Amino acid sequence: MNREEIILAIQDIIKTIAPDEDVSNLKTDLRLRDQIELDSMDFLDIVMELRKRYGVQVPEDDYKELATLDGCVAYLGPKMQGKSLKVGV
């Protein structure tokens, strides 16, 4: 997956978990929790969806890497190499 596909994947997962949140204008360099209402359970759900949809394991020590969309791209890029985008799953 490329940068844009990873961002779309994260946005789609957030829309699944928090359907009332508008993810279309998320800034890539700001913490997701500072932009939309996500609590710790929502964040855990994001990690679980990554595993379910893409087979990507994110150890608890690495959760901080997913704080921003830029961080998601940097951390998930190598792990999602060769995977296909799954939206609306």
N, C-alpha and C. Protein backbone atom coordinates (compact mmCIF):
# COMPACT_ATOMS: atom_id res chain seq x y z
N MET A 1 0.83 -1.19 0.00
CA MET A 1 0.00 0.00 0.00
C MET A 1 0.87 1.24 0.00
N ASN A 2 0.39 2.25 -0.67
CA ASN A 2 1.09 3.53 -0.66
C ASN A 2 0.53 4.41 0.46
N ARG A 3 1.11 5.58 0.60
CA ARG A 3 0.74 6.53 1.66
C ARG A 3 -0.77 6.82 1.67
N GLU A 4 -1.31 7.17 0.52
CA GLU A 4 -2.73 7.54 0.45
C GLU A 4 -3.63 6.36 0.81
N GLU A 5 -3.27 5.17 0.38
CA GLU A 5 -4.08 3.99 0.70
C GLU A 5 -4.06 3.68 2.20
N ILE A 6 -2.92 3.87 2.84
CA ILE A 6 -2.84 3.65 4.28
C ILE A 6 -3.72 4.66 5.01
N ILE A 7 -3.67 5.92 4.58
CA ILE A 7 -4.52 6.95 5.19
C ILE A 7 -5.99 6.60 4.99
N LEU A 8 -6.36 6.19 3.78
CA LEU A 8 -7.74 5.78 3.51
C LEU A 8 -8.15 4.59 4.38
N ALA A 9 -7.24 3.64 4.55
CA ALA A 9 -7.53 2.47 5.38
C ALA A 9 -7.81 2.89 6.82
N ILE A 10 -6.97 3.76 7.37
CA ILE A 10 -7.16 4.23 8.75
C ILE A 10 -8.46 5.02 8.86
N GLN A 11 -8.72 5.91 7.90
CA GLN A 11 -9.96 6.69 7.92
C GLN A 11 -11.18 5.77 7.87
N ASP A 12 -11.12 4.73 7.04
CA ASP A 12 -12.24 3.81 6.94
C ASP A 12 -12.45 3.05 8.24
N ILE A 13 -11.37 2.65 8.86
CA ILE A 13 -11.48 1.95 10.15
C ILE A 13 -12.09 2.88 11.19
N ILE A 14 -11.66 4.13 11.22
CA ILE A 14 -12.23 5.10 12.17
C ILE A 14 -13.72 5.29 11.90
N LYS A 15 -14.10 5.40 10.62
CA LYS A 15 -15.52 5.55 10.28
C LYS A 15 -16.34 4.35 10.76
N THR A 16 -15.76 3.17 10.72
CA THR A 16 -16.44 1.97 11.19
C THR A 16 -16.63 2.01 12.70
N ILE A 17 -15.61 2.47 13.40
CA ILE A 17 -15.61 2.49 14.87
C ILE A 17 -16.40 3.68 15.42
N ALA A 18 -16.25 4.82 14.77
CA ALA A 18 -16.90 6.06 15.23
C ALA A 18 -17.63 6.70 14.05
N PRO A 19 -18.78 6.14 13.67
CA PRO A 19 -19.46 6.56 12.45
C PRO A 19 -19.90 8.03 12.43
N ASP A 20 -20.01 8.65 13.59
CA ASP A 20 -20.44 10.05 13.64
C ASP A 20 -19.30 11.04 13.40
N GLU A 21 -18.07 10.56 13.39
CA GLU A 21 -16.91 11.43 13.22
C GLU A 21 -16.65 11.72 11.74
N ASP A 22 -16.33 12.98 11.44
CA ASP A 22 -15.95 13.38 10.08
C ASP A 22 -14.45 13.22 9.95
N VAL A 23 -14.03 12.26 9.15
CA VAL A 23 -12.60 11.99 9.00
C VAL A 23 -12.03 12.60 7.72
N SER A 24 -12.86 13.30 6.96
CA SER A 24 -12.42 13.81 5.66
C SER A 24 -11.39 14.93 5.75
N ASN A 25 -11.35 15.65 6.86
CA ASN A 25 -10.42 16.77 6.98
C ASN A 25 -9.36 16.56 8.05
N LEU A 26 -9.06 15.32 8.36
CA LEU A 26 -8.04 15.06 9.37
C LEU A 26 -6.67 15.54 8.89
N LYS A 27 -5.97 16.24 9.75
CA LYS A 27 -4.61 16.67 9.45
C LYS A 27 -3.68 15.50 9.76
N THR A 28 -2.72 15.29 8.88
CA THR A 28 -1.87 14.11 9.02
C THR A 28 -0.83 14.24 10.13
N ASP A 29 -0.53 15.48 10.54
CA ASP A 29 0.54 15.68 11.52
C ASP A 29 0.03 15.95 12.94
N LEU A 30 -1.28 16.00 13.12
CA LEU A 30 -1.86 16.22 14.46
C LEU A 30 -2.39 14.91 15.01
N ARG A 31 -2.31 14.78 16.34
CA ARG A 31 -2.81 13.57 17.00
C ARG A 31 -4.28 13.34 16.66
N LEU A 32 -4.61 12.12 16.32
CA LEU A 32 -6.00 11.79 15.99
C LEU A 32 -6.93 12.13 17.14
N ARG A 33 -6.52 11.83 18.35
CA ARG A 33 -7.35 12.09 19.54
C ARG A 33 -7.60 13.57 19.76
N ASP A 34 -6.74 14.43 19.24
CA ASP A 34 -6.93 15.87 19.36
C ASP A 34 -7.88 16.41 18.30
N GLN A 35 -8.15 15.61 17.28
CA GLN A 35 -8.99 16.06 16.18
C GLN A 35 -10.41 15.49 16.22
N ILE A 36 -10.54 14.28 16.72
CA ILE A 36 -11.85 13.64 16.81
C ILE A 36 -11.98 12.94 18.15
N GLU A 37 -13.19 12.59 18.50
CA GLU A 37 -13.46 11.93 19.77
C GLU A 37 -13.10 10.44 19.69
N LEU A 38 -11.94 10.10 20.18
CA LEU A 38 -11.51 8.70 20.26
C LEU A 38 -11.05 8.43 21.68
N ASP A 39 -11.64 7.45 22.32
CA ASP A 39 -11.14 7.08 23.64
C ASP A 39 -10.21 5.87 23.51
N SER A 40 -9.73 5.40 24.62
CA SER A 40 -8.75 4.31 24.57
C SER A 40 -9.35 3.02 23.99
N MET A 41 -10.63 2.79 24.23
CA MET A 41 -11.28 1.59 23.66
C MET A 41 -11.40 1.72 22.14
N ASP A 42 -11.71 2.94 21.67
CA ASP A 42 -11.77 3.17 20.22
C ASP A 42 -10.42 2.89 19.59
N PHE A 43 -9.37 3.37 20.25
CA PHE A 43 -8.02 3.17 19.73
C PHE A 43 -7.68 1.68 19.68
N LEU A 44 -8.06 0.97 20.71
CA LEU A 44 -7.84 -0.48 20.73
C LEU A 44 -8.62 -1.15 19.59
N ASP A 45 -9.83 -0.66 19.32
CA ASP A 45 -10.62 -1.18 18.20
C ASP A 45 -9.92 -0.95 16.86
N ILE A 46 -9.25 0.19 16.72
CA ILE A 46 -8.50 0.48 15.49
C ILE A 46 -7.41 -0.58 15.31
N VAL A 47 -6.68 -0.85 16.38
CA VAL A 47 -5.61 -1.85 16.33
C VAL A 47 -6.18 -3.23 15.98
N MET A 48 -7.33 -3.57 16.57
CA MET A 48 -7.95 -4.87 16.29
C MET A 48 -8.43 -4.96 14.84
N GLU A 49 -8.95 -3.86 14.30
CA GLU A 49 -9.39 -3.84 12.90
C GLU A 49 -8.20 -3.99 11.96
N LEU A 50 -7.07 -3.38 12.31
CA LEU A 50 -5.87 -3.55 11.49
C LEU A 50 -5.48 -5.02 11.42
N ARG A 51 -5.58 -5.69 12.55
CA ARG A 51 -5.25 -7.12 12.56
C ARG A 51 -6.27 -7.92 11.76
N LYS A 52 -7.55 -7.61 11.94
CA LYS A 52 -8.60 -8.37 11.27
C LYS A 52 -8.57 -8.16 9.75
N ARG A 53 -8.44 -6.92 9.32
CA ARG A 53 -8.51 -6.62 7.89
C ARG A 53 -7.22 -6.92 7.14
N TYR A 54 -6.09 -6.64 7.80
CA TYR A 54 -4.81 -6.69 7.09
C TYR A 54 -3.79 -7.65 7.68
N GLY A 55 -4.13 -8.31 8.78
CA GLY A 55 -3.19 -9.24 9.40
C GLY A 55 -1.99 -8.55 10.02
N VAL A 56 -2.15 -7.27 10.37
CA VAL A 56 -1.04 -6.50 10.94
C VAL A 56 -1.15 -6.51 12.46
N GLN A 57 -0.11 -7.00 13.11
CA GLN A 57 -0.03 -7.01 14.56
C GLN A 57 0.67 -5.74 15.03
N VAL A 58 0.05 -5.05 15.99
CA VAL A 58 0.67 -3.86 16.57
C VAL A 58 0.83 -4.12 18.07
N PRO A 59 2.06 -4.36 18.52
CA PRO A 59 2.28 -4.58 19.94
C PRO A 59 1.93 -3.32 20.74
N GLU A 60 1.48 -3.51 21.96
CA GLU A 60 1.06 -2.39 22.80
C GLU A 60 2.13 -1.31 22.92
N ASP A 61 3.39 -1.71 22.98
CA ASP A 61 4.48 -0.74 23.08
C ASP A 61 4.56 0.18 21.86
N ASP A 62 3.98 -0.24 20.74
CA ASP A 62 4.03 0.55 19.51
C ASP A 62 2.78 1.39 19.26
N TYR A 63 1.79 1.32 20.15
CA TYR A 63 0.55 2.08 19.94
C TYR A 63 0.83 3.56 19.71
N LYS A 64 1.83 4.09 20.40
CA LYS A 64 2.15 5.52 20.28
C LYS A 64 2.53 5.90 18.85
N GLU A 65 3.01 4.94 18.08
CA GLU A 65 3.40 5.20 16.69
C GLU A 65 2.19 5.54 15.82
N LEU A 66 1.00 5.17 16.28
CA LEU A 66 -0.22 5.38 15.50
C LEU A 66 -1.00 6.61 15.94
N ALA A 67 -0.36 7.51 16.67
CA ALA A 67 -1.06 8.68 17.21
C ALA A 67 -1.52 9.64 16.12
N THR A 68 -0.75 9.76 15.04
CA THR A 68 -1.11 10.65 13.93
C THR A 68 -1.21 9.83 12.65
N LEU A 69 -1.83 10.41 11.64
CA LEU A 69 -1.88 9.71 10.34
C LEU A 69 -0.48 9.56 9.75
N ASP A 70 0.37 10.58 9.93
CA ASP A 70 1.76 10.46 9.46
C ASP A 70 2.45 9.30 10.17
N GLY A 71 2.23 9.18 11.47
CA GLY A 71 2.80 8.08 12.23
C GLY A 71 2.29 6.73 11.75
N CYS A 72 1.00 6.68 11.43
CA CYS A 72 0.41 5.44 10.90
C CYS A 72 1.09 5.04 9.60
N VAL A 73 1.30 6.02 8.72
CA VAL A 73 1.93 5.74 7.43
C VAL A 73 3.35 5.23 7.64
N ALA A 74 4.11 5.91 8.50
CA ALA A 74 5.50 5.52 8.74
C ALA A 74 5.58 4.12 9.37
N TYR A 75 4.73 3.85 10.33
CA TYR A 75 4.78 2.57 11.04
C TYR A 75 4.19 1.43 10.20
N LEU A 76 3.04 1.70 9.58
CA LEU A 76 2.33 0.63 8.87
C LEU A 76 2.84 0.39 7.45
N GLY A 77 3.51 1.37 6.86
CA GLY A 77 3.99 1.24 5.48
C GLY A 77 4.69 -0.08 5.20
N PRO A 78 5.74 -0.41 5.94
CA PRO A 78 6.44 -1.67 5.69
C PRO A 78 5.58 -2.90 5.99
N LYS A 79 4.70 -2.80 6.97
CA LYS A 79 3.87 -3.93 7.37
C LYS A 79 2.73 -4.19 6.38
N MET A 80 2.35 -3.16 5.62
CA MET A 80 1.23 -3.29 4.70
C MET A 80 1.68 -3.37 3.24
N GLN A 81 2.97 -3.53 3.06
CA GLN A 81 3.54 -3.70 1.72
C GLN A 81 2.88 -4.90 1.03
N GLY A 82 2.37 -4.69 -0.15
CA GLY A 82 1.78 -5.77 -0.93
C GLY A 82 0.35 -6.13 -0.55
N LYS A 83 -0.23 -5.44 0.43
CA LYS A 83 -1.61 -5.72 0.83
C LYS A 83 -2.55 -4.83 0.05
N SER A 84 -3.78 -5.27 -0.11
CA SER A 84 -4.78 -4.51 -0.84
C SER A 84 -5.67 -3.73 0.12
N LEU A 85 -6.06 -2.54 -0.29
CA LEU A 85 -6.95 -1.70 0.50
C LEU A 85 -8.31 -2.37 0.61
N LYS A 86 -8.85 -2.41 1.83
CA LYS A 86 -10.18 -2.98 2.09
C LYS A 86 -11.01 -1.92 2.76
N VAL A 87 -11.95 -1.35 2.03
CA VAL A 87 -12.81 -0.30 2.59
C VAL A 87 -14.23 -0.82 2.74
N GLY A 88 -14.90 -0.33 3.76
CA GLY A 88 -16.28 -0.71 3.99
C GLY A 88 -16.47 -2.17 4.38
N VAL A 89 -15.46 -2.75 4.97
CA VAL A 89 -15.53 -4.17 5.35
C VAL A 89 -16.33 -4.32 6.61
